Amino acid sequence: MKTYVLVGAGSRALHMFAKPMATEWKDAIRFGGIYDINAARAKFASEECGGVPVYDDFGRMLDEARPDVVIVASTDATHHEYIIRSLAAGCDVITEKPMTIDEEKCRAILQAERDSGKKVTVTFNLRYAPYFAKVKELIQAGAIGDVNHIDLEWFLDRRHGADYFRRWHAEMKNSGGLLVHKATHHFDIVNWWMNSRPAVVHAFGTRVKYGGGREGRGERCLTCGLKSSCEFYMDIESNPFMEKYYRGAEHVDGYIRDRCVFDERIDIYDTMSVNVSYENGGLLTYSLVAYSPYEGWRAAVNGSEGRMELMNVYGNADMKQADLGTIRIYRPNGSTEEVPVVSSAEGHGGGDARLREVLFKGGVADPLGRQADSMAGAASLLIGATANRSIAEGRALSIPDLSPVEKLT
């Protein structure tokens, strides 16, 4: 039985990893410890998981718990630190997306993986959601011939989208912006469908809804005098999880979960457009907005022998739908086919549970190539990181070469 430890005790870490490891997977794996820079939050998570050991030092957790696998679910900008130290300690690593936030840290992770001989797995759960997987299956079976172009539009509503601007994600130094933190999911899916590596990126980004500039704003929703009139007011006290895990842990590190979405510190984009060319000649046209009246995505996959039209509109960040999803296929002879897909499961359309089975059970058949390694993680995050550079420099840029370099010090 392998021993797993967890870095990070936020919402995603708790619900995706900690609680399932302590309950449904307790007979298959040993949950050996949890570490978070916020000791109060780690303690709360431990209590919900039957008293899993809490460590106040990551190195001590590696030494004492002696894990086989380290799961990294900390803030994005710290992923590289924990991944590299875990690999050096002889552990395999499972990391939340994005693998990291920029080219330099990405290179360092890949070099550490080569040096250690251990393995990094990136948790791209959308590959395991039935709707996305069915698209891959149809493409792989030749339903529309060779894929030449994908048009993908993603839109976050004013609840889910706004929430990124309250949290640590609102600063580029922490998350790489939504083109890295959020779009890494979307770019990975396109890379997987396209079955090719990205080559050149040209991007545009702006901020039109959130960030500094609004008069009369407060530091946080809890103490703001505009509660009754602000469209983005969030009552942290009414949410038991938020109240306990975040407000109840503020005294440790000063992290405020309900920061104003118009705060001056915000430097990420809320409106983005990206064009990508691939090594196989394929093209991607992508857009992301974070203030839509409703949430979801739509896409068209254009192939040499037809076109797929895809759409998923949902009312929650979990991507759960009430009805069947439909994939529509249009062929040059004028025929149309509709492929129904059950996409009403919880956990990102059912992807989370299927991904955990692969991670903790092992030996699961993978005919679609869903399990993502470090190179898949790199290909995805580097589209976003290169897009950020393209926006800053105002020009198209090649995806960086990933030749080995010296590790970060």
Protein backbone atom coordinates (compact mmCIF):
# COMPACT_ATOMS: atom_id res chain seq x y z
CA MET A 1 0.00 0.00 0.00
CA LYS A 2 1.50 3.31 -1.10
CA THR A 3 1.71 6.31 1.19
CA TYR A 4 0.43 9.65 -0.11
CA VAL A 5 0.89 13.08 1.46
CA LEU A 6 -0.82 16.32 0.50
CA VAL A 7 0.53 19.85 0.18
CA GLY A 8 -2.28 22.39 0.42
CA ALA A 9 -5.49 22.51 2.46
CA GLY A 10 -7.71 24.82 0.44
CA SER A 11 -11.08 23.96 -1.07
CA ARG A 12 -9.75 22.05 -4.08
CA ALA A 13 -7.20 20.11 -2.02
CA LEU A 14 -9.84 19.15 0.54
CA HIS A 15 -12.62 18.04 -1.79
CA MET A 16 -10.61 16.58 -4.67
CA PHE A 17 -7.97 14.77 -2.63
CA ALA A 18 -8.06 14.86 1.17
CA LYS A 19 -11.62 13.74 1.92
CA PRO A 20 -11.76 11.06 -0.82
CA MET A 21 -8.38 9.67 0.30
CA ALA A 22 -9.61 9.47 3.89
CA THR A 23 -12.92 7.81 2.99
CA GLU A 24 -13.53 6.05 -0.32
CA TRP A 25 -9.85 5.21 -0.91
CA LYS A 26 -8.75 4.47 2.67
CA ASP A 27 -8.42 0.73 1.97
CA ALA A 28 -6.30 1.24 -1.15
CA ILE A 29 -3.82 3.89 -0.02
CA ARG A 30 -2.32 5.30 3.16
CA PHE A 31 -2.92 9.02 3.72
CA GLY A 32 0.24 9.87 5.61
CA GLY A 33 0.10 13.61 6.20
CA ILE A 34 -0.97 17.08 5.21
CA TYR A 35 0.98 20.33 5.08
CA ASP A 36 -0.12 23.89 4.42
CA ILE A 37 1.62 27.18 5.14
CA ASN A 38 -1.53 28.03 7.08
CA ALA A 39 -1.45 25.62 10.02
CA ALA A 40 -5.02 26.40 11.07
CA ARG A 41 -6.40 25.42 7.67
CA ALA A 42 -4.34 22.22 7.67
CA LYS A 43 -5.74 21.39 11.09
CA PHE A 44 -9.32 21.92 9.89
CA ALA A 45 -8.70 19.60 6.94
CA SER A 46 -7.16 16.97 9.21
CA GLU A 47 -10.20 17.03 11.47
CA GLU A 48 -12.48 16.33 8.50
CA CYS A 49 -10.25 13.44 7.47
CA GLY A 50 -10.19 11.53 10.75
CA GLY A 51 -7.07 13.07 12.23
CA VAL A 52 -4.53 12.75 9.44
CA PRO A 53 -1.12 13.90 10.75
CA VAL A 54 -0.51 17.63 10.27
CA TYR A 55 3.01 18.87 9.62
CA ASP A 56 4.30 22.40 10.15
CA ASP A 57 7.27 21.85 7.85
CA PHE A 58 7.25 20.28 4.40
CA GLY A 59 10.72 18.79 4.74
CA ARG A 60 9.78 17.15 8.02
CA MET A 61 6.72 15.62 6.37
CA LEU A 62 8.94 14.10 3.68
CA ASP A 63 11.36 12.76 6.30
CA GLU A 64 8.80 11.37 8.75
CA ALA A 65 5.88 10.26 6.59
CA ARG A 66 8.23 8.75 3.97
CA PRO A 67 5.69 9.09 1.16
CA ASP A 68 5.72 7.25 -2.13
CA VAL A 69 3.68 10.02 -3.73
CA VAL A 70 3.34 13.73 -2.96
CA ILE A 71 0.17 15.51 -4.10
CA VAL A 72 0.76 19.22 -4.73
CA ALA A 73 -2.32 21.43 -4.45
CA SER A 74 -0.80 24.66 -3.12
CA THR A 75 -0.91 28.07 -4.79
CA ASP A 76 0.24 27.85 -8.41
CA ALA A 77 3.45 29.87 -8.03
CA THR A 78 4.72 27.44 -5.37
CA HIS A 79 4.08 24.21 -7.27
CA HIS A 80 7.62 24.03 -8.63
CA GLU A 81 9.16 24.23 -5.16
CA TYR A 82 7.23 21.27 -3.77
CA ILE A 83 7.47 19.24 -6.98
CA ILE A 84 11.23 19.61 -7.20
CA ARG A 85 11.84 18.85 -3.50
CA SER A 86 9.57 15.82 -3.69
CA LEU A 87 11.32 14.42 -6.75
CA ALA A 88 14.70 14.94 -5.09
CA ALA A 89 13.43 12.97 -2.09
CA GLY A 90 12.60 10.02 -4.34
CA CYS A 91 8.84 10.55 -4.56
CA ASP A 92 6.50 10.51 -7.52
CA VAL A 93 4.37 13.65 -7.77
CA ILE A 94 0.74 14.34 -8.61
CA THR A 95 0.21 18.04 -9.16
CA GLU A 96 -2.86 20.15 -9.62
CA LYS A 97 -3.04 22.16 -12.80
CA PRO A 98 -1.26 24.26 -13.87
CA MET A 99 1.98 22.38 -13.31
CA THR A 100 3.59 25.78 -12.73
CA ILE A 101 3.19 29.34 -14.02
CA ASP A 102 6.15 30.20 -16.26
CA GLU A 103 8.87 28.91 -18.52
CA GLU A 104 11.73 29.05 -16.00
CA LYS A 105 9.91 27.04 -13.34
CA CYS A 106 8.70 24.60 -15.99
CA ARG A 107 12.24 23.92 -17.17
CA ALA A 108 13.35 23.33 -13.60
CA ILE A 109 10.59 20.78 -12.98
CA LEU A 110 11.41 18.85 -16.15
CA GLN A 111 15.09 18.77 -15.27
CA ALA A 112 14.37 17.59 -11.73
CA GLU A 113 12.17 14.83 -13.12
CA ARG A 114 14.94 13.70 -15.46
CA ASP A 115 17.53 13.79 -12.65
CA SER A 116 15.37 11.85 -10.20
CA GLY A 117 13.95 9.19 -12.47
CA LYS A 118 10.59 9.71 -10.77
CA LYS A 119 7.30 10.72 -12.39
CA VAL A 120 5.17 13.87 -12.46
CA THR A 121 1.45 13.48 -13.25
CA VAL A 122 -0.74 16.53 -13.93
CA THR A 123 -4.41 16.30 -12.95
CA PHE A 124 -6.23 17.42 -16.08
CA ASN A 125 -9.64 16.20 -14.92
CA LEU A 126 -11.50 17.40 -18.03
CA ARG A 127 -9.85 14.58 -20.00
CA TYR A 128 -11.86 12.21 -17.80
CA ALA A 129 -15.21 14.00 -18.11
CA PRO A 130 -17.42 11.90 -20.43
CA TYR A 131 -18.28 14.75 -22.83
CA PHE A 132 -14.66 15.72 -23.54
CA ALA A 133 -13.60 12.09 -23.68
CA LYS A 134 -16.32 11.28 -26.20
CA VAL A 135 -15.06 14.04 -28.48
CA LYS A 136 -11.57 12.54 -28.30
CA GLU A 137 -12.96 9.08 -29.02
CA LEU A 138 -14.83 10.33 -32.09
CA ILE A 139 -11.79 12.22 -33.40
CA GLN A 140 -9.56 9.20 -32.81
CA ALA A 141 -12.06 7.03 -34.72
CA GLY A 142 -11.88 9.39 -37.72
CA ALA A 143 -15.39 10.85 -37.39
CA ILE A 144 -14.33 14.13 -39.06
CA GLY A 145 -11.00 13.14 -40.58
CA ASP A 146 -7.87 15.09 -39.69
CA VAL A 147 -8.46 17.98 -37.29
CA ASN A 148 -7.40 21.26 -38.89
CA HIS A 149 -8.92 23.99 -36.74
CA ILE A 150 -10.59 24.34 -33.32
CA ASP A 151 -12.60 27.36 -32.25
CA LEU A 152 -13.12 27.40 -28.47
CA GLU A 153 -15.01 30.04 -26.51
CA TRP A 154 -15.12 29.86 -22.72
CA PHE A 155 -17.23 32.17 -20.57
CA LEU A 156 -17.28 32.46 -16.78
CA ASP A 157 -20.27 34.04 -15.08
CA ARG A 158 -20.23 36.93 -12.60
CA ARG A 159 -20.16 34.60 -9.61
CA HIS A 160 -17.49 32.10 -10.60
CA GLY A 161 -15.52 34.50 -12.78
CA ALA A 162 -15.54 37.28 -10.20
CA ASP A 163 -14.24 34.93 -7.53
CA TYR A 164 -10.83 34.72 -9.18
CA PHE A 165 -10.47 38.45 -8.62
CA ARG A 166 -11.09 38.12 -4.87
CA ARG A 167 -8.44 35.49 -4.29
CA TRP A 168 -4.70 35.07 -4.68
CA HIS A 169 -5.35 34.29 -8.37
CA ALA A 170 -5.87 38.02 -9.01
CA GLU A 171 -2.12 38.66 -9.15
CA MET A 172 0.07 37.46 -12.00
CA LYS A 173 2.92 36.59 -9.63
CA ASN A 174 0.70 34.02 -7.90
CA SER A 175 -1.27 32.42 -10.73
CA GLY A 176 0.04 33.57 -14.09
CA GLY A 177 -3.43 35.02 -14.66
CA LEU A 178 -6.43 33.19 -16.06
CA LEU A 179 -4.53 32.31 -19.25
CA VAL A 180 -2.37 30.03 -17.09
CA HIS A 181 -4.50 29.11 -14.08
CA LYS A 182 -7.87 28.61 -15.77
CA ALA A 183 -7.10 28.21 -19.46
CA THR A 184 -4.52 25.50 -18.81
CA HIS A 185 -7.53 23.13 -18.69
CA HIS A 186 -8.78 24.41 -22.03
CA PHE A 187 -5.43 24.44 -23.79
CA ASP A 188 -4.73 20.89 -22.61
CA ILE A 189 -8.03 19.65 -24.02
CA VAL A 190 -7.25 21.26 -27.38
CA ASN A 191 -3.71 19.83 -27.36
CA TRP A 192 -5.21 16.40 -26.63
CA TRP A 193 -7.86 16.66 -29.33
CA MET A 194 -5.39 18.11 -31.82
CA ASN A 195 -2.81 15.42 -30.98
CA SER A 196 0.00 17.87 -31.57
CA ARG A 197 2.24 20.34 -29.76
CA PRO A 198 1.70 24.12 -29.85
CA ALA A 199 4.27 26.06 -31.85
CA VAL A 200 3.38 29.78 -32.09
CA VAL A 201 1.10 32.00 -29.98
CA HIS A 202 -0.36 35.46 -30.61
CA ALA A 203 -2.60 36.85 -27.88
CA PHE A 204 -4.51 39.90 -26.69
CA GLY A 205 -5.75 40.66 -23.20
CA THR A 206 -7.40 43.48 -21.33
CA ARG A 207 -9.27 44.19 -18.12
CA VAL A 208 -12.66 45.84 -18.51
CA LYS A 209 -14.75 44.72 -15.53
CA TYR A 210 -12.59 44.12 -12.50
CA GLY A 211 -9.58 45.78 -10.91
CA GLY A 212 -8.72 49.27 -9.68
CA GLY A 213 -10.56 52.35 -10.78
CA ARG A 214 -13.90 52.14 -8.99
CA GLU A 215 -14.45 54.88 -6.45
CA GLY A 216 -15.73 54.08 -2.99
CA ARG A 217 -14.51 50.47 -2.90
CA GLY A 218 -13.55 48.73 0.31
CA GLU A 219 -10.77 46.33 1.17
CA ARG A 220 -13.13 43.37 1.54
CA CYS A 221 -16.81 42.52 1.29
CA LEU A 222 -17.17 41.82 5.01
CA THR A 223 -16.44 45.40 6.06
CA CYS A 224 -17.49 47.28 2.91
CA GLY A 225 -20.05 50.05 3.14
CA LEU A 226 -21.40 49.24 -0.34
CA LYS A 227 -22.79 45.79 0.48
CA SER A 228 -26.35 46.67 -0.41
CA SER A 229 -25.53 48.09 -3.83
CA CYS A 230 -22.55 46.07 -5.09
CA GLU A 231 -23.27 43.43 -7.72
CA PHE A 232 -20.25 41.45 -6.52
CA TYR A 233 -20.88 41.44 -2.77
CA MET A 234 -20.06 38.05 -1.21
CA ASP A 235 -21.29 37.25 2.29
CA ILE A 236 -18.44 35.17 3.69
CA GLU A 237 -20.26 34.71 6.99
CA SER A 238 -23.18 32.91 5.32
CA ASN A 239 -20.98 30.14 3.91
CA PRO A 240 -19.91 27.72 6.67
CA PHE A 241 -16.91 26.45 4.71
CA MET A 242 -15.64 29.95 3.88
CA GLU A 243 -16.26 31.13 7.42
CA LYS A 244 -14.28 28.28 8.95
CA TYR A 245 -11.48 27.59 6.48
CA TYR A 246 -10.72 31.14 5.43
CA ARG A 247 -12.06 33.75 7.84
CA GLY A 248 -11.28 31.39 10.71
CA ALA A 249 -7.67 31.06 9.53
CA GLU A 250 -6.94 34.70 8.63
CA HIS A 251 -5.02 35.27 11.86
CA VAL A 252 -2.31 32.85 10.73
CA ASP A 253 -1.19 34.41 7.45
CA GLY A 254 -3.46 37.39 6.80
CA TYR A 255 -5.01 35.87 3.68
CA ILE A 256 -8.39 37.50 3.04
CA ARG A 257 -10.79 35.39 0.98
CA ASP A 258 -13.37 38.11 0.20
CA ARG A 259 -11.11 40.85 -1.16
CA CYS A 260 -12.75 43.51 -3.28
CA VAL A 261 -12.89 42.64 -6.98
CA PHE A 262 -11.96 46.27 -7.72
CA ASP A 263 -8.77 46.16 -5.64
CA GLU A 264 -5.72 47.99 -6.96
CA ARG A 265 -3.55 44.88 -6.61
CA ILE A 266 -5.38 43.12 -9.47
CA ASP A 267 -3.19 42.83 -12.56
CA ILE A 268 -4.65 39.83 -14.42
CA TYR A 269 -6.90 40.06 -17.49
CA ASP A 270 -10.64 39.43 -17.53
CA THR A 271 -10.97 39.46 -21.36
CA MET A 272 -8.62 37.36 -23.50
CA SER A 273 -8.18 36.19 -27.08
CA VAL A 274 -5.49 33.72 -28.21
CA ASN A 275 -4.45 32.26 -31.57
CA VAL A 276 -2.21 29.18 -31.62
CA SER A 277 -0.58 27.32 -34.49
CA TYR A 278 0.48 23.71 -33.99
CA GLU A 279 3.39 21.63 -35.22
CA ASN A 280 1.02 19.56 -37.37
CA GLY A 281 -0.36 22.69 -39.06
CA GLY A 282 -3.56 22.83 -36.99
CA LEU A 283 -4.90 26.13 -35.64
CA LEU A 284 -6.70 27.19 -32.46
CA THR A 285 -8.84 30.29 -31.99
CA TYR A 286 -9.60 30.75 -28.27
CA SER A 287 -11.35 33.33 -26.11
CA LEU A 288 -12.09 33.65 -22.40
CA VAL A 289 -14.20 36.23 -20.55
CA ALA A 290 -14.79 36.31 -16.79
CA TYR A 291 -17.99 38.37 -16.51
CA SER A 292 -20.56 36.60 -18.70
CA PRO A 293 -24.26 36.65 -17.72
CA TYR A 294 -24.12 32.84 -17.74
CA GLU A 295 -21.43 30.20 -17.68
CA GLY A 296 -20.25 27.54 -20.08
CA TRP A 297 -18.34 26.94 -23.29
CA ARG A 298 -18.87 26.22 -26.94
CA ALA A 299 -16.54 24.90 -29.60
CA ALA A 300 -16.30 23.87 -33.22
CA VAL A 301 -13.82 21.22 -34.31
CA ASN A 302 -13.19 21.42 -38.05
CA GLY A 303 -11.73 18.40 -39.80
CA SER A 304 -10.92 17.30 -43.33
CA GLU A 305 -14.14 15.21 -43.42
CA GLY A 306 -16.58 17.19 -41.31
CA ARG A 307 -17.25 19.45 -38.37
CA MET A 308 -18.21 18.87 -34.73
CA GLU A 309 -20.18 21.47 -32.82
CA LEU A 310 -19.99 21.27 -29.05
CA MET A 311 -21.65 23.20 -26.25
CA ASN A 312 -22.02 22.99 -22.50
CA VAL A 313 -23.91 25.64 -20.55
CA TYR A 314 -24.17 25.10 -16.80
CA GLY A 315 -25.18 26.95 -13.65
CA ASN A 316 -22.28 26.11 -11.35
CA ALA A 317 -18.48 26.02 -11.24
CA ASP A 318 -18.65 22.21 -11.01
CA MET A 319 -19.82 22.00 -14.66
CA LYS A 320 -22.77 19.79 -13.71
CA GLN A 321 -25.68 19.74 -16.17
CA ALA A 322 -29.19 18.47 -15.62
CA ASP A 323 -29.63 17.04 -19.12
CA LEU A 324 -27.74 15.04 -21.68
CA GLY A 325 -25.03 16.79 -23.61
CA THR A 326 -25.03 16.54 -27.38
CA ILE A 327 -22.22 16.39 -29.91
CA ARG A 328 -23.37 17.38 -33.39
CA ILE A 329 -21.43 16.15 -36.40
CA TYR A 330 -21.88 17.72 -39.83
CA ARG A 331 -20.46 16.01 -42.91
CA PRO A 332 -19.74 17.29 -46.44
CA ASN A 333 -22.52 15.14 -47.94
CA GLY A 334 -25.10 17.11 -45.96
CA SER A 335 -25.78 14.45 -43.33
CA THR A 336 -25.92 15.28 -39.63
CA GLU A 337 -25.39 13.02 -36.64
CA GLU A 338 -26.24 13.76 -33.01
CA VAL A 339 -24.28 11.89 -30.32
CA PRO A 340 -25.83 12.10 -26.82
CA VAL A 341 -23.48 12.09 -23.82
CA VAL A 342 -24.41 11.92 -20.14
CA SER A 343 -22.73 14.96 -18.59
CA SER A 344 -24.78 15.51 -15.45
CA ALA A 345 -22.34 14.03 -12.92
CA GLU A 346 -20.82 16.09 -10.14
CA GLY A 347 -17.09 16.80 -9.97
CA HIS A 348 -16.40 18.62 -13.23
CA GLY A 349 -18.84 16.64 -15.31
CA GLY A 350 -17.76 13.36 -13.72
CA GLY A 351 -14.07 13.88 -14.42
CA ASP A 352 -12.87 14.12 -10.81
CA ALA A 353 -14.04 10.68 -9.69
CA ARG A 354 -12.68 8.96 -12.80
CA LEU A 355 -9.34 10.71 -12.39
CA ARG A 356 -9.04 9.62 -8.74
CA GLU A 357 -9.64 6.02 -9.81
CA VAL A 358 -6.69 6.22 -12.18
CA LEU A 359 -4.48 7.94 -9.59
CA PHE A 360 -5.22 5.67 -6.63
CA LYS A 361 -6.28 2.35 -8.14
CA GLY A 362 -3.92 2.18 -11.08
CA GLY A 363 -3.97 -0.33 -13.88
CA VAL A 364 -6.96 1.35 -15.54
CA ALA A 365 -7.05 0.91 -19.32
CA ASP A 366 -6.28 4.17 -21.12
CA PRO A 367 -7.05 3.80 -24.84
CA LEU A 368 -7.61 7.56 -25.22
CA GLY A 369 -4.32 8.56 -23.59
CA ARG A 370 -6.01 10.53 -20.83
CA GLN A 371 -3.29 10.35 -18.19
CA ALA A 372 -1.23 13.53 -18.50
CA ASP A 373 2.50 13.64 -17.82
CA SER A 374 4.86 16.56 -17.28
CA MET A 375 5.22 17.24 -20.99
CA ALA A 376 1.45 17.59 -21.34
CA GLY A 377 1.52 19.90 -18.32
CA ALA A 378 4.30 21.94 -19.91
CA ALA A 379 2.59 22.20 -23.31
CA SER A 380 -0.57 23.56 -21.72
CA LEU A 381 0.92 26.07 -19.29
CA LEU A 382 3.39 27.35 -21.87
CA ILE A 383 0.56 28.40 -24.17
CA GLY A 384 -0.77 30.58 -21.35
CA ALA A 385 2.63 31.85 -20.26
CA THR A 386 3.62 32.64 -23.85
CA ALA A 387 0.25 34.32 -24.38
CA ASN A 388 0.97 36.60 -21.43
CA ARG A 389 4.31 37.54 -22.98
CA SER A 390 2.68 38.04 -26.37
CA ILE A 391 0.19 40.48 -24.84
CA ALA A 392 2.97 42.37 -23.09
CA GLU A 393 5.18 42.53 -26.18
CA GLY A 394 2.44 42.98 -28.78
CA ARG A 395 3.64 40.26 -31.15
CA ALA A 396 3.46 36.58 -32.00
CA LEU A 397 5.91 34.36 -30.11
CA SER A 398 7.17 30.82 -30.45
CA ILE A 399 6.58 28.35 -27.64
CA PRO A 400 9.89 28.08 -25.74
CA ASP A 401 12.29 25.23 -26.36
CA LEU A 402 12.32 22.85 -23.38
CA SER A 403 15.92 21.72 -23.56
CA PRO A 404 17.43 20.85 -20.16
CA VAL A 405 18.85 23.72 -18.12
CA GLU A 406 20.21 24.16 -14.61
CA LYS A 407 17.72 23.91 -11.77
CA LEU A 408 16.43 26.96 -9.91
CA THR A 409 18.34 27.83 -6.78
